[in-house]
All heavy atoms as atom14 arrays in JSON, in Angstrom:
{
  "sequence": "NIPIAIVACWITNPVTMVPAAVAQITLANWVMSAFGHATVPAPDFDS",
  "atom14_mask": [
    [1, 1, 1, 1, 1, 1, 1, 1, 0, 0, 0, 0, 0, 0],
    [1, 1, 1, 1, 1, 1, 1, 1, 0, 0, 0, 0, 0, 0],
    [1, 1, 1, 1, 1, 1, 1, 0, 0, 0, 0, 0, 0, 0],
    [1, 1, 1, 1, 1, 1, 1, 1, 0, 0, 0, 0, 0, 0],
    [1, 1, 1, 1, 1, 0, 0, 0, 0, 0, 0, 0, 0, 0],
    [1, 1, 1, 1, 1, 1, 1, 1, 0, 0, 0, 0, 0, 0],
    [1, 1, 1, 1, 1, 1, 1, 0, 0, 0, 0, 0, 0, 0],
    [1, 1, 1, 1, 1, 0, 0, 0, 0, 0, 0, 0, 0, 0],
    [1, 1, 1, 1, 1, 1, 0, 0, 0, 0, 0, 0, 0, 0],
    [1, 1, 1, 1, 1, 1, 1, 1, 1, 1, 1, 1, 1, 1],
    [1, 1, 1, 1, 1, 1, 1, 1, 0, 0, 0, 0, 0, 0],
    [1, 1, 1, 1, 1, 1, 1, 0, 0, 0, 0, 0, 0, 0],
    [1, 1, 1, 1, 1, 1, 1, 1, 0, 0, 0, 0, 0, 0],
    [1, 1, 1, 1, 1, 1, 1, 0, 0, 0, 0, 0, 0, 0],
    [1, 1, 1, 1, 1, 1, 1, 0, 0, 0, 0, 0, 0, 0],
    [1, 1, 1, 1, 1, 1, 1, 0, 0, 0, 0, 0, 0, 0],
    [1, 1, 1, 1, 1, 1, 1, 1, 0, 0, 0, 0, 0, 0],
    [1, 1, 1, 1, 1, 1, 1, 0, 0, 0, 0, 0, 0, 0],
    [1, 1, 1, 1, 1, 1, 1, 0, 0, 0, 0, 0, 0, 0],
    [1, 1, 1, 1, 1, 0, 0, 0, 0, 0, 0, 0, 0, 0],
    [1, 1, 1, 1, 1, 0, 0, 0, 0, 0, 0, 0, 0, 0],
    [1, 1, 1, 1, 1, 1, 1, 0, 0, 0, 0, 0, 0, 0],
    [1, 1, 1, 1, 1, 0, 0, 0, 0, 0, 0, 0, 0, 0],
    [1, 1, 1, 1, 1, 1, 1, 1, 1, 0, 0, 0, 0, 0],
    [1, 1, 1, 1, 1, 1, 1, 1, 0, 0, 0, 0, 0, 0],
    [1, 1, 1, 1, 1, 1, 1, 0, 0, 0, 0, 0, 0, 0],
    [1, 1, 1, 1, 1, 1, 1, 1, 0, 0, 0, 0, 0, 0],
    [1, 1, 1, 1, 1, 0, 0, 0, 0, 0, 0, 0, 0, 0],
    [1, 1, 1, 1, 1, 1, 1, 1, 0, 0, 0, 0, 0, 0],
    [1, 1, 1, 1, 1, 1, 1, 1, 1, 1, 1, 1, 1, 1],
    [1, 1, 1, 1, 1, 1, 1, 0, 0, 0, 0, 0, 0, 0],
    [1, 1, 1, 1, 1, 1, 1, 1, 0, 0, 0, 0, 0, 0],
    [1, 1, 1, 1, 1, 1, 0, 0, 0, 0, 0, 0, 0, 0],
    [1, 1, 1, 1, 1, 0, 0, 0, 0, 0, 0, 0, 0, 0],
    [1, 1, 1, 1, 1, 1, 1, 1, 1, 1, 1, 0, 0, 0],
    [1, 1, 1, 1, 0, 0, 0, 0, 0, 0, 0, 0, 0, 0],
    [1, 1, 1, 1, 1, 1, 1, 1, 1, 1, 0, 0, 0, 0],
    [1, 1, 1, 1, 1, 0, 0, 0, 0, 0, 0, 0, 0, 0],
    [1, 1, 1, 1, 1, 1, 1, 0, 0, 0, 0, 0, 0, 0],
    [1, 1, 1, 1, 1, 1, 1, 0, 0, 0, 0, 0, 0, 0],
    [1, 1, 1, 1, 1, 1, 1, 0, 0, 0, 0, 0, 0, 0],
    [1, 1, 1, 1, 1, 0, 0, 0, 0, 0, 0, 0, 0, 0],
    [1, 1, 1, 1, 1, 1, 1, 0, 0, 0, 0, 0, 0, 0],
    [1, 1, 1, 1, 1, 1, 1, 1, 0, 0, 0, 0, 0, 0],
    [1, 1, 1, 1, 1, 1, 1, 1, 1, 1, 1, 0, 0, 0],
    [1, 1, 1, 1, 1, 1, 1, 1, 0, 0, 0, 0, 0, 0],
    [1, 1, 1, 1, 1, 1, 0, 0, 0, 0, 0, 0, 0, 0]
  ],
  "atom14_positions": [
    [[122.87, 74.71, 90.68], [121.84, 74.36, 91.67], [120.44, 74.6, 91.08], [120.05, 75.73, 90.8], [122.01, 75.11, 92.93], [121.23, 74.47, 94.06], [120.17, 74.95, 94.44], [121.72, 73.39, 94.68], [0.0, 0.0, 0.0], [0.0, 0.0, 0.0], [0.0, 0.0, 0.0], [0.0, 0.0, 0.0], [0.0, 0.0, 0.0], [0.0, 0.0, 0.0]],
    [[119.67, 73.49, 90.96], [118.3, 73.61, 90.38], [117.33, 74.27, 91.43], [116.56, 75.16, 90.97], [117.82, 72.25, 89.93], [118.63, 71.75, 88.77], [116.3, 72.22, 89.63], [118.26, 70.34, 88.32], [0.0, 0.0, 0.0], [0.0, 0.0, 0.0], [0.0, 0.0, 0.0], [0.0, 0.0, 0.0], [0.0, 0.0, 0.0], [0.0, 0.0, 0.0]],
    [[117.23, 73.87, 92.63], [116.3, 74.57, 93.52], [116.5, 76.06, 93.67], [115.51, 76.88, 93.65], [116.54, 73.89, 94.93], [117.11, 72.56, 94.6], [117.95, 72.77, 93.35], [0.0, 0.0, 0.0], [0.0, 0.0, 0.0], [0.0, 0.0, 0.0], [0.0, 0.0, 0.0], [0.0, 0.0, 0.0], [0.0, 0.0, 0.0], [0.0, 0.0, 0.0]],
    [[117.74, 76.55, 93.69], [117.99, 77.99, 93.69], [117.48, 78.69, 92.44], [116.96, 79.8, 92.49], [119.48, 78.22, 93.97], [119.93, 77.66, 95.3], [119.79, 79.78, 93.92], [119.19, 78.24, 96.49], [0.0, 0.0, 0.0], [0.0, 0.0, 0.0], [0.0, 0.0, 0.0], [0.0, 0.0, 0.0], [0.0, 0.0, 0.0], [0.0, 0.0, 0.0]],
    [[117.66, 78.03, 91.32], [117.17, 78.63, 90.06], [115.67, 78.76, 90.08], [115.15, 79.79, 89.57], [117.64, 77.76, 88.87], [0.0, 0.0, 0.0], [0.0, 0.0, 0.0], [0.0, 0.0, 0.0], [0.0, 0.0, 0.0], [0.0, 0.0, 0.0], [0.0, 0.0, 0.0], [0.0, 0.0, 0.0], [0.0, 0.0, 0.0], [0.0, 0.0, 0.0]],
    [[114.98, 77.71, 90.65], [113.51, 77.83, 90.7], [113.04, 78.87, 91.57], [112.15, 79.67, 91.26], [112.98, 76.4, 91.15], [113.31, 75.35, 90.13], [111.46, 76.54, 91.42], [112.87, 73.97, 90.58], [0.0, 0.0, 0.0], [0.0, 0.0, 0.0], [0.0, 0.0, 0.0], [0.0, 0.0, 0.0], [0.0, 0.0, 0.0], [0.0, 0.0, 0.0]],
    [[113.67, 79.02, 92.76], [113.29, 80.06, 93.75], [113.53, 81.39, 93.17], [112.73, 82.34, 93.34], [114.08, 79.85, 95.03], [113.89, 81.04, 95.97], [113.62, 78.61, 95.8], [0.0, 0.0, 0.0], [0.0, 0.0, 0.0], [0.0, 0.0, 0.0], [0.0, 0.0, 0.0], [0.0, 0.0, 0.0], [0.0, 0.0, 0.0], [0.0, 0.0, 0.0]],
    [[114.67, 81.64, 92.47], [114.97, 82.94, 91.92], [113.98, 83.36, 90.85], [113.72, 84.6, 90.66], [116.41, 82.94, 91.29], [0.0, 0.0, 0.0], [0.0, 0.0, 0.0], [0.0, 0.0, 0.0], [0.0, 0.0, 0.0], [0.0, 0.0, 0.0], [0.0, 0.0, 0.0], [0.0, 0.0, 0.0], [0.0, 0.0, 0.0], [0.0, 0.0, 0.0]],
    [[113.31, 82.38, 90.21], [112.32, 82.74, 89.19], [111.12, 83.53, 89.82], [110.51, 84.31, 89.15], [111.76, 81.51, 88.53], [112.92, 80.79, 87.37], [0.0, 0.0, 0.0], [0.0, 0.0, 0.0], [0.0, 0.0, 0.0], [0.0, 0.0, 0.0], [0.0, 0.0, 0.0], [0.0, 0.0, 0.0], [0.0, 0.0, 0.0], [0.0, 0.0, 0.0]],
    [[110.92, 83.31, 91.07], [109.74, 83.94, 91.77], [110.03, 85.32, 92.28], [109.22, 85.91, 92.91], [109.28, 83.04, 92.93], [108.52, 81.88, 92.44], [108.92, 80.62, 92.2], [107.11, 81.87, 92.12], [108.03, 79.8, 91.77], [106.82, 80.55, 91.67], [106.07, 82.82, 92.11], [105.53, 80.21, 91.23], [104.84, 82.5, 91.63], [104.59, 81.17, 91.28]],
    [[111.24, 85.84, 91.94], [111.5, 87.26, 92.22], [110.54, 88.12, 91.43], [110.07, 89.12, 91.93], [112.94, 87.68, 91.94], [113.85, 86.82, 92.94], [113.18, 89.09, 92.14], [115.35, 87.03, 92.63], [0.0, 0.0, 0.0], [0.0, 0.0, 0.0], [0.0, 0.0, 0.0], [0.0, 0.0, 0.0], [0.0, 0.0, 0.0], [0.0, 0.0, 0.0]],
    [[110.31, 87.72, 90.22], [109.27, 88.32, 89.44], [107.94, 87.6, 89.62], [107.8, 86.41, 89.21], [109.57, 88.37, 87.91], [109.97, 87.07, 87.48], [110.68, 89.36, 87.65], [0.0, 0.0, 0.0], [0.0, 0.0, 0.0], [0.0, 0.0, 0.0], [0.0, 0.0, 0.0], [0.0, 0.0, 0.0], [0.0, 0.0, 0.0], [0.0, 0.0, 0.0]],
    [[107.0, 88.2, 90.29], [105.73, 87.53, 90.68], [104.62, 88.59, 90.44], [104.89, 89.69, 89.92], [105.78, 87.14, 92.11], [106.21, 88.18, 93.08], [105.5, 89.19, 93.22], [107.41, 88.11, 93.73], [0.0, 0.0, 0.0], [0.0, 0.0, 0.0], [0.0, 0.0, 0.0], [0.0, 0.0, 0.0], [0.0, 0.0, 0.0], [0.0, 0.0, 0.0]],
    [[103.38, 88.23, 90.6], [102.31, 89.17, 90.45], [102.45, 90.58, 91.1], [101.88, 91.55, 90.59], [101.06, 88.44, 90.96], [101.33, 86.96, 90.77], [102.83, 86.88, 91.01], [0.0, 0.0, 0.0], [0.0, 0.0, 0.0], [0.0, 0.0, 0.0], [0.0, 0.0, 0.0], [0.0, 0.0, 0.0], [0.0, 0.0, 0.0], [0.0, 0.0, 0.0]],
    [[103.25, 90.57, 92.17], [103.46, 91.88, 92.8], [104.58, 92.7, 92.12], [104.45, 93.92, 91.92], [103.82, 91.68, 94.31], [104.12, 92.96, 94.95], [102.64, 90.96, 95.02], [0.0, 0.0, 0.0], [0.0, 0.0, 0.0], [0.0, 0.0, 0.0], [0.0, 0.0, 0.0], [0.0, 0.0, 0.0], [0.0, 0.0, 0.0], [0.0, 0.0, 0.0]],
    [[105.64, 92.07, 91.69], [106.78, 92.68, 91.14], [106.79, 92.8, 89.64], [107.7, 93.38, 89.02], [108.09, 92.1, 91.61], [108.11, 90.69, 91.14], [108.17, 92.1, 93.11], [0.0, 0.0, 0.0], [0.0, 0.0, 0.0], [0.0, 0.0, 0.0], [0.0, 0.0, 0.0], [0.0, 0.0, 0.0], [0.0, 0.0, 0.0], [0.0, 0.0, 0.0]],
    [[105.77, 92.15, 89.01], [105.79, 92.03, 87.53], [105.64, 93.39, 86.88], [106.31, 93.65, 85.85], [104.72, 91.07, 87.12], [104.82, 90.65, 85.66], [103.52, 89.44, 85.2], [104.02, 88.12, 86.3], [0.0, 0.0, 0.0], [0.0, 0.0, 0.0], [0.0, 0.0, 0.0], [0.0, 0.0, 0.0], [0.0, 0.0, 0.0], [0.0, 0.0, 0.0]],
    [[104.81, 94.23, 87.44], [104.55, 95.5, 86.78], [105.79, 96.42, 86.83], [106.18, 97.03, 85.83], [103.35, 96.2, 87.48], [103.18, 97.66, 86.88], [102.07, 95.42, 87.23], [0.0, 0.0, 0.0], [0.0, 0.0, 0.0], [0.0, 0.0, 0.0], [0.0, 0.0, 0.0], [0.0, 0.0, 0.0], [0.0, 0.0, 0.0], [0.0, 0.0, 0.0]],
    [[106.41, 96.63, 87.99], [107.7, 97.43, 87.98], [108.77, 96.83, 87.1], [109.55, 97.54, 86.49], [108.12, 97.38, 89.46], [106.94, 97.04, 90.34], [106.03, 96.23, 89.36], [0.0, 0.0, 0.0], [0.0, 0.0, 0.0], [0.0, 0.0, 0.0], [0.0, 0.0, 0.0], [0.0, 0.0, 0.0], [0.0, 0.0, 0.0], [0.0, 0.0, 0.0]],
    [[108.82, 95.46, 87.07], [109.81, 94.91, 86.17], [109.49, 95.17, 84.71], [110.44, 95.37, 83.95], [109.82, 93.34, 86.38], [0.0, 0.0, 0.0], [0.0, 0.0, 0.0], [0.0, 0.0, 0.0], [0.0, 0.0, 0.0], [0.0, 0.0, 0.0], [0.0, 0.0, 0.0], [0.0, 0.0, 0.0], [0.0, 0.0, 0.0], [0.0, 0.0, 0.0]],
    [[108.23, 95.13, 84.33], [107.91, 95.49, 82.92], [108.26, 96.96, 82.58], [108.82, 97.18, 81.51], [106.39, 95.26, 82.76], [0.0, 0.0, 0.0], [0.0, 0.0, 0.0], [0.0, 0.0, 0.0], [0.0, 0.0, 0.0], [0.0, 0.0, 0.0], [0.0, 0.0, 0.0], [0.0, 0.0, 0.0], [0.0, 0.0, 0.0], [0.0, 0.0, 0.0]],
    [[108.0, 97.81, 83.53], [108.42, 99.27, 83.27], [109.89, 99.38, 83.13], [110.4, 100.06, 82.24], [107.83, 100.13, 84.4], [108.39, 101.57, 84.2], [106.32, 100.15, 84.47], [0.0, 0.0, 0.0], [0.0, 0.0, 0.0], [0.0, 0.0, 0.0], [0.0, 0.0, 0.0], [0.0, 0.0, 0.0], [0.0, 0.0, 0.0], [0.0, 0.0, 0.0]],
    [[110.62, 98.61, 83.94], [112.1, 98.7, 83.9], [112.62, 98.15, 82.6], [113.52, 98.63, 82.04], [112.67, 97.93, 85.11], [0.0, 0.0, 0.0], [0.0, 0.0, 0.0], [0.0, 0.0, 0.0], [0.0, 0.0, 0.0], [0.0, 0.0, 0.0], [0.0, 0.0, 0.0], [0.0, 0.0, 0.0], [0.0, 0.0, 0.0], [0.0, 0.0, 0.0]],
    [[112.0, 97.04, 82.19], [112.36, 96.41, 80.89], [112.21, 97.35, 79.75], [113.03, 97.49, 78.9], [111.61, 95.13, 80.67], [111.96, 93.92, 81.61], [111.01, 92.79, 81.49], [109.88, 92.93, 80.93], [111.44, 91.63, 81.87], [0.0, 0.0, 0.0], [0.0, 0.0, 0.0], [0.0, 0.0, 0.0], [0.0, 0.0, 0.0], [0.0, 0.0, 0.0]],
    [[111.03, 97.96, 79.67], [110.76, 98.89, 78.58], [111.62, 100.1, 78.62], [112.11, 100.55, 77.56], [109.28, 99.32, 78.62], [108.33, 98.06, 78.41], [108.96, 100.36, 77.6], [106.83, 98.33, 78.57], [0.0, 0.0, 0.0], [0.0, 0.0, 0.0], [0.0, 0.0, 0.0], [0.0, 0.0, 0.0], [0.0, 0.0, 0.0], [0.0, 0.0, 0.0]],
    [[111.88, 100.64, 79.83], [112.77, 101.82, 79.91], [114.18, 101.45, 79.5], [114.79, 102.21, 78.72], [112.78, 102.32, 81.37], [111.43, 102.62, 81.8], [113.66, 103.52, 81.55], [0.0, 0.0, 0.0], [0.0, 0.0, 0.0], [0.0, 0.0, 0.0], [0.0, 0.0, 0.0], [0.0, 0.0, 0.0], [0.0, 0.0, 0.0], [0.0, 0.0, 0.0]],
    [[114.66, 100.32, 79.92], [116.05, 99.92, 79.48], [116.15, 99.66, 78.01], [117.1, 100.14, 77.34], [116.43, 98.6, 80.29], [117.8, 98.0, 79.84], [118.92, 98.9, 80.13], [117.91, 96.68, 80.6], [0.0, 0.0, 0.0], [0.0, 0.0, 0.0], [0.0, 0.0, 0.0], [0.0, 0.0, 0.0], [0.0, 0.0, 0.0], [0.0, 0.0, 0.0]],
    [[115.1, 98.96, 77.46], [115.17, 98.77, 76.04], [115.05, 100.03, 75.26], [115.69, 100.15, 74.15], [113.99, 97.81, 75.64], [0.0, 0.0, 0.0], [0.0, 0.0, 0.0], [0.0, 0.0, 0.0], [0.0, 0.0, 0.0], [0.0, 0.0, 0.0], [0.0, 0.0, 0.0], [0.0, 0.0, 0.0], [0.0, 0.0, 0.0], [0.0, 0.0, 0.0]],
    [[114.13, 100.99, 75.65], [114.1, 102.25, 74.95], [115.39, 102.99, 74.94], [115.78, 103.6, 73.91], [112.99, 103.11, 75.6], [111.57, 102.64, 75.23], [111.4, 101.76, 74.34], [110.59, 103.19, 75.92], [0.0, 0.0, 0.0], [0.0, 0.0, 0.0], [0.0, 0.0, 0.0], [0.0, 0.0, 0.0], [0.0, 0.0, 0.0], [0.0, 0.0, 0.0]],
    [[116.06, 102.98, 76.04], [117.35, 103.67, 76.13], [118.39, 103.01, 75.15], [119.13, 103.7, 74.47], [117.91, 103.59, 77.58], [119.22, 104.25, 77.73], [119.46, 105.64, 77.81], [120.5, 103.66, 77.9], [120.79, 105.86, 77.96], [121.46, 104.7, 77.97], [120.85, 102.28, 78.0], [122.81, 104.39, 78.22], [122.26, 102.01, 78.09], [123.18, 103.11, 78.23]],
    [[118.41, 101.7, 75.16], [119.38, 101.02, 74.2], [119.0, 101.23, 72.77], [119.87, 101.56, 71.95], [119.48, 99.55, 74.62], [120.32, 98.73, 73.59], [120.03, 99.38, 76.06], [0.0, 0.0, 0.0], [0.0, 0.0, 0.0], [0.0, 0.0, 0.0], [0.0, 0.0, 0.0], [0.0, 0.0, 0.0], [0.0, 0.0, 0.0], [0.0, 0.0, 0.0]],
    [[117.7, 101.0, 72.42], [117.3, 101.11, 71.04], [117.41, 102.57, 70.54], [117.71, 102.81, 69.36], [115.9, 100.58, 70.89], [115.8, 99.11, 71.08], [114.09, 98.37, 70.55], [113.1, 99.11, 71.84], [0.0, 0.0, 0.0], [0.0, 0.0, 0.0], [0.0, 0.0, 0.0], [0.0, 0.0, 0.0], [0.0, 0.0, 0.0], [0.0, 0.0, 0.0]],
    [[117.19, 103.54, 71.43], [117.39, 104.93, 71.02], [118.82, 105.23, 70.69], [119.12, 106.08, 69.81], [116.86, 105.85, 72.13], [115.48, 105.64, 72.34], [0.0, 0.0, 0.0], [0.0, 0.0, 0.0], [0.0, 0.0, 0.0], [0.0, 0.0, 0.0], [0.0, 0.0, 0.0], [0.0, 0.0, 0.0], [0.0, 0.0, 0.0], [0.0, 0.0, 0.0]],
    [[119.72, 104.6, 71.45], [121.1, 104.86, 71.2], [121.56, 104.26, 69.83], [122.49, 104.84, 69.25], [121.95, 104.12, 72.35], [0.0, 0.0, 0.0], [0.0, 0.0, 0.0], [0.0, 0.0, 0.0], [0.0, 0.0, 0.0], [0.0, 0.0, 0.0], [0.0, 0.0, 0.0], [0.0, 0.0, 0.0], [0.0, 0.0, 0.0], [0.0, 0.0, 0.0]],
    [[120.8, 103.33, 69.32], [121.11, 102.76, 67.95], [120.2, 103.4, 66.92], [120.12, 102.82, 65.8], [121.0, 101.23, 68.01], [122.13, 100.55, 68.73], [122.03, 100.25, 70.05], [123.29, 100.27, 68.05], [123.03, 99.68, 70.73], [124.32, 99.56, 68.66], [124.27, 99.32, 70.05], [0.0, 0.0, 0.0], [0.0, 0.0, 0.0], [0.0, 0.0, 0.0]],
    [[119.42, 104.36, 67.24], [118.59, 105.06, 66.26], [117.29, 104.35, 65.97], [116.65, 104.79, 64.92], [0.0, 0.0, 0.0], [0.0, 0.0, 0.0], [0.0, 0.0, 0.0], [0.0, 0.0, 0.0], [0.0, 0.0, 0.0], [0.0, 0.0, 0.0], [0.0, 0.0, 0.0], [0.0, 0.0, 0.0], [0.0, 0.0, 0.0], [0.0, 0.0, 0.0]],
    [[116.82, 103.45, 66.77], [115.52, 102.85, 66.55], [114.35, 103.69, 67.16], [114.54, 104.27, 68.24], [115.49, 101.45, 67.16], [116.44, 100.48, 66.42], [116.07, 99.89, 65.23], [117.7, 100.12, 66.69], [117.13, 99.13, 64.83], [118.1, 99.26, 65.68], [0.0, 0.0, 0.0], [0.0, 0.0, 0.0], [0.0, 0.0, 0.0], [0.0, 0.0, 0.0]],
    [[113.23, 103.7, 66.51], [112.08, 104.39, 67.06], [111.5, 103.66, 68.21], [111.46, 102.37, 68.32], [111.03, 104.54, 65.96], [0.0, 0.0, 0.0], [0.0, 0.0, 0.0], [0.0, 0.0, 0.0], [0.0, 0.0, 0.0], [0.0, 0.0, 0.0], [0.0, 0.0, 0.0], [0.0, 0.0, 0.0], [0.0, 0.0, 0.0], [0.0, 0.0, 0.0]],
    [[111.08, 104.34, 69.31], [110.64, 103.76, 70.51], [109.31, 104.42, 70.89], [108.97, 105.56, 70.48], [111.61, 103.85, 71.63], [111.89, 105.25, 71.9], [112.87, 103.13, 71.31], [0.0, 0.0, 0.0], [0.0, 0.0, 0.0], [0.0, 0.0, 0.0], [0.0, 0.0, 0.0], [0.0, 0.0, 0.0], [0.0, 0.0, 0.0], [0.0, 0.0, 0.0]],
    [[108.53, 103.75, 71.77], [107.31, 104.34, 72.37], [107.63, 104.56, 73.85], [108.16, 103.68, 74.53], [106.1, 103.35, 72.21], [104.89, 103.89, 72.95], [105.81, 103.16, 70.77], [0.0, 0.0, 0.0], [0.0, 0.0, 0.0], [0.0, 0.0, 0.0], [0.0, 0.0, 0.0], [0.0, 0.0, 0.0], [0.0, 0.0, 0.0], [0.0, 0.0, 0.0]],
    [[107.34, 105.71, 74.36], [107.63, 105.96, 75.74], [107.06, 104.9, 76.72], [106.03, 104.35, 76.47], [106.94, 107.36, 76.06], [106.87, 107.97, 74.68], [106.7, 106.81, 73.76], [0.0, 0.0, 0.0], [0.0, 0.0, 0.0], [0.0, 0.0, 0.0], [0.0, 0.0, 0.0], [0.0, 0.0, 0.0], [0.0, 0.0, 0.0], [0.0, 0.0, 0.0]],
    [[107.83, 104.6, 77.76], [107.38, 103.6, 78.72], [106.12, 104.03, 79.47], [105.94, 105.21, 79.67], [108.5, 103.36, 79.77], [0.0, 0.0, 0.0], [0.0, 0.0, 0.0], [0.0, 0.0, 0.0], [0.0, 0.0, 0.0], [0.0, 0.0, 0.0], [0.0, 0.0, 0.0], [0.0, 0.0, 0.0], [0.0, 0.0, 0.0], [0.0, 0.0, 0.0]],
    [[105.22, 103.1, 79.76], [103.97, 103.54, 80.44], [104.22, 103.85, 81.88], [105.22, 103.5, 82.5], [103.13, 102.24, 80.31], [104.16, 101.14, 80.28], [105.35, 101.67, 79.53], [0.0, 0.0, 0.0], [0.0, 0.0, 0.0], [0.0, 0.0, 0.0], [0.0, 0.0, 0.0], [0.0, 0.0, 0.0], [0.0, 0.0, 0.0], [0.0, 0.0, 0.0]],
    [[103.3, 104.58, 82.44], [103.28, 104.85, 83.9], [102.78, 103.57, 84.6], [102.43, 102.59, 83.97], [102.43, 106.05, 84.27], [101.02, 105.94, 83.84], [100.5, 104.83, 83.6], [100.32, 106.98, 83.68], [0.0, 0.0, 0.0], [0.0, 0.0, 0.0], [0.0, 0.0, 0.0], [0.0, 0.0, 0.0], [0.0, 0.0, 0.0], [0.0, 0.0, 0.0]],
    [[102.8, 103.59, 85.97], [102.48, 102.38, 86.72], [101.1, 101.84, 86.42], [100.84, 100.65, 86.18], [102.68, 102.65, 88.15], [102.53, 101.45, 89.04], [103.64, 100.62, 89.25], [101.36, 101.08, 89.62], [103.56, 99.46, 90.05], [101.24, 99.96, 90.4], [102.35, 99.21, 90.64], [0.0, 0.0, 0.0], [0.0, 0.0, 0.0], [0.0, 0.0, 0.0]],
    [[100.11, 102.76, 86.43], [98.74, 102.32, 86.16], [98.54, 101.75, 84.77], [97.89, 100.67, 84.57], [97.76, 103.5, 86.41], [97.68, 103.96, 87.85], [98.01, 103.12, 88.71], [97.34, 105.13, 88.08], [0.0, 0.0, 0.0], [0.0, 0.0, 0.0], [0.0, 0.0, 0.0], [0.0, 0.0, 0.0], [0.0, 0.0, 0.0], [0.0, 0.0, 0.0]],
    [[99.14, 102.41, 83.8], [98.99, 101.93, 82.41], [99.75, 100.6, 82.28], [99.28, 99.65, 81.6], [99.56, 102.97, 81.44], [98.88, 104.17, 81.47], [0.0, 0.0, 0.0], [0.0, 0.0, 0.0], [0.0, 0.0, 0.0], [0.0, 0.0, 0.0], [0.0, 0.0, 0.0], [0.0, 0.0, 0.0], [0.0, 0.0, 0.0], [0.0, 0.0, 0.0]]
  ]
}
């Protein structure tokens, strides 16, 4: 379904984009650290 796919894209919007970015960085840091890659700590909300 194309309309549902379009609507779901708006779950990440200017309001939710910042928490989503923090979650992405946190998840990636956890995975990359498990494989021995260097990571930079995830930023706080304001940063």
